[in-house]
Amino acid sequence: MSGGGMESVARPPSNMGNGPNGQHAKERCGNFQMPLHYPKYTRAEYETMPDWKLDCLLRDYGLPITGDVEQRRKFAMGAFLWPH
């Protein structure tokens, strides 16, 4: 290559909109959709959060739901709480 210009890259045709409700997009990208808002719970709220709510929060952000409830709670606090 010469000239240091940008190369053109051929892309396959997009099928993202084909099928019912963009089915091809779901197959290609999975069902994960990033939530619009960052969770704003306090440490105290994480410490008292019910198991089901903690699992929903982790699932919503595509994070693993493994270990016992205390391990999941610590993981969520590590992922979402920022030191001040």
C-alpha atoms as a PDB file:
ATOM      1  CA  MET A   1       0.000   0.000   0.000  1.00  0.00           C
ATOM      2  CA  SER A   2       1.205   3.490  -0.689  1.00  0.00           C
ATOM      3  CA  GLY A   3       0.088   6.969   0.145  1.00  0.00           C
ATOM      4  CA  GLY A   4      -0.981   6.204   3.746  1.00  0.00           C
ATOM      5  CA  GLY A   5      -4.648   6.742   2.862  1.00  0.00           C
ATOM      6  CA  MET A   6      -7.560   4.957   4.422  1.00  0.00           C
ATOM      7  CA  GLU A   7      -8.554   1.598   3.061  1.00  0.00           C
ATOM      8  CA  SER A   8     -12.074   0.804   2.049  1.00  0.00           C
ATOM      9  CA  VAL A   9     -13.501  -2.156   3.904  1.00  0.00           C
ATOM     10  CA  ALA A  10     -16.345  -4.104   2.359  1.00  0.00           C
ATOM     11  CA  ARG A  11     -19.127  -4.867   4.781  1.00  0.00           C
ATOM     12  CA  PRO A  12     -21.820  -7.484   4.383  1.00  0.00           C
ATOM     13  CA  PRO A  13     -25.300  -6.073   3.855  1.00  0.00           C
ATOM     14  CA  SER A  14     -27.060  -5.221   7.081  1.00  0.00           C
ATOM     15  CA  ASN A  15     -29.999  -7.457   7.953  1.00  0.00           C
ATOM     16  CA  MET A  16     -30.641  -5.738  11.258  1.00  0.00           C
ATOM     17  CA  GLY A  17     -34.186  -4.745  10.379  1.00  0.00           C
ATOM     18  CA  ASN A  18     -35.297  -7.995   8.766  1.00  0.00           C
ATOM     19  CA  GLY A  19     -37.731 -10.346  10.397  1.00  0.00           C
ATOM     20  CA  PRO A  20     -40.269  -9.722  13.120  1.00  0.00           C
ATOM     21  CA  ASN A  21     -39.012  -7.137  15.608  1.00  0.00           C
ATOM     22  CA  GLY A  22     -35.508  -7.125  14.124  1.00  0.00           C
ATOM     23  CA  GLN A  23     -35.016 -10.847  14.753  1.00  0.00           C
ATOM     24  CA  HIS A  24     -31.668 -10.948  12.951  1.00  0.00           C
ATOM     25  CA  ALA A  25     -30.344  -8.226  15.241  1.00  0.00           C
ATOM     26  CA  LYS A  26     -31.303 -10.232  18.315  1.00  0.00           C
ATOM     27  CA  GLU A  27     -29.660 -13.350  16.945  1.00  0.00           C
ATOM     28  CA  ARG A  28     -26.473 -11.475  16.126  1.00  0.00           C
ATOM     29  CA  CYS A  29     -26.230  -9.292  19.230  1.00  0.00           C
ATOM     30  CA  GLY A  30     -28.187 -11.216  21.852  1.00  0.00           C
ATOM     31  CA  ASN A  31     -30.925  -9.626  23.940  1.00  0.00           C
ATOM     32  CA  PHE A  32     -28.708  -7.327  26.033  1.00  0.00           C
ATOM     33  CA  GLN A  33     -29.713  -3.677  25.970  1.00  0.00           C
ATOM     34  CA  MET A  34     -27.742  -1.261  28.132  1.00  0.00           C
ATOM     35  CA  PRO A  35     -29.985   0.469  30.693  1.00  0.00           C
ATOM     36  CA  LEU A  36     -30.241   4.223  30.275  1.00  0.00           C
ATOM     37  CA  HIS A  37     -29.276   5.148  33.838  1.00  0.00           C
ATOM     38  CA  TYR A  38     -26.343   4.174  36.031  1.00  0.00           C
ATOM     39  CA  PRO A  39     -27.591   2.676  39.317  1.00  0.00           C
ATOM     40  CA  LYS A  40     -27.489   5.238  42.112  1.00  0.00           C
ATOM     41  CA  TYR A  41     -27.899   3.044  45.185  1.00  0.00           C
ATOM     42  CA  THR A  42     -25.977   3.731  48.377  1.00  0.00           C
ATOM     43  CA  ARG A  43     -23.794   1.184  50.177  1.00  0.00           C
ATOM     44  CA  ALA A  44     -26.551   0.793  52.783  1.00  0.00           C
ATOM     45  CA  GLU A  45     -29.122   0.094  50.048  1.00  0.00           C
ATOM     46  CA  TYR A  46     -26.895  -2.591  48.482  1.00  0.00           C
ATOM     47  CA  GLU A  47     -26.360  -4.161  51.907  1.00  0.00           C
ATOM     48  CA  THR A  48     -30.122  -4.516  52.485  1.00  0.00           C
ATOM     49  CA  MET A  49     -31.216  -5.119  48.869  1.00  0.00           C
ATOM     50  CA  PRO A  50     -33.323  -8.297  48.440  1.00  0.00           C
ATOM     51  CA  ASP A  51     -31.685 -11.157  46.504  1.00  0.00           C
ATOM     52  CA  TRP A  52     -34.132 -10.913  43.597  1.00  0.00           C
ATOM     53  CA  LYS A  53     -33.552  -7.174  43.149  1.00  0.00           C
ATOM     54  CA  LEU A  54     -29.781  -7.621  43.253  1.00  0.00           C
ATOM     55  CA  ASP A  55     -30.016 -10.389  40.624  1.00  0.00           C
ATOM     56  CA  CYS A  56     -32.221  -8.197  38.396  1.00  0.00           C
ATOM     57  CA  LEU A  57     -29.743  -5.322  38.669  1.00  0.00           C
ATOM     58  CA  LEU A  58     -26.801  -7.522  37.676  1.00  0.00           C
ATOM     59  CA  ARG A  59     -28.794  -9.108  34.843  1.00  0.00           C
ATOM     60  CA  ASP A  60     -29.890  -5.691  33.538  1.00  0.00           C
ATOM     61  CA  TYR A  61     -26.247  -4.668  33.154  1.00  0.00           C
ATOM     62  CA  GLY A  62     -25.147  -7.980  31.639  1.00  0.00           C
ATOM     63  CA  LEU A  63     -23.062  -8.879  34.690  1.00  0.00           C
ATOM     64  CA  PRO A  64     -22.595 -12.416  36.055  1.00  0.00           C
ATOM     65  CA  ILE A  65     -25.014 -13.748  38.623  1.00  0.00           C
ATOM     66  CA  THR A  66     -22.783 -16.299  40.325  1.00  0.00           C
ATOM     67  CA  GLY A  67     -21.847 -17.153  43.877  1.00  0.00           C
ATOM     68  CA  ASP A  68     -23.914 -16.759  47.003  1.00  0.00           C
ATOM     69  CA  VAL A  69     -25.871 -13.607  47.779  1.00  0.00           C
ATOM     70  CA  GLU A  70     -23.003 -12.021  49.732  1.00  0.00           C
ATOM     71  CA  GLN A  71     -20.580 -12.557  46.832  1.00  0.00           C
ATOM     72  CA  ARG A  72     -23.094 -11.053  44.379  1.00  0.00           C
ATOM     73  CA  ARG A  73     -23.696  -8.135  46.754  1.00  0.00           C
ATOM     74  CA  LYS A  74     -19.936  -7.424  47.024  1.00  0.00           C
ATOM     75  CA  PHE A  75     -19.585  -7.708  43.243  1.00  0.00           C
ATOM     76  CA  ALA A  76     -22.430  -5.206  42.676  1.00  0.00           C
ATOM     77  CA  MET A  77     -20.962  -2.754  45.187  1.00  0.00           C
ATOM     78  CA  GLY A  78     -17.542  -3.064  43.542  1.00  0.00           C
ATOM     79  CA  ALA A  79     -19.034  -2.523  40.098  1.00  0.00           C
ATOM     80  CA  PHE A  80     -21.407   0.340  40.882  1.00  0.00           C
ATOM     81  CA  LEU A  81     -20.122   2.235  43.938  1.00  0.00           C
ATOM     82  CA  TRP A  82     -17.445   4.851  43.282  1.00  0.00           C
ATOM     83  CA  PRO A  83     -15.114   5.994  46.047  1.00  0.00           C
ATOM     84  CA  HIS A  84     -15.572   9.649  46.889  1.00  0.00           C
END
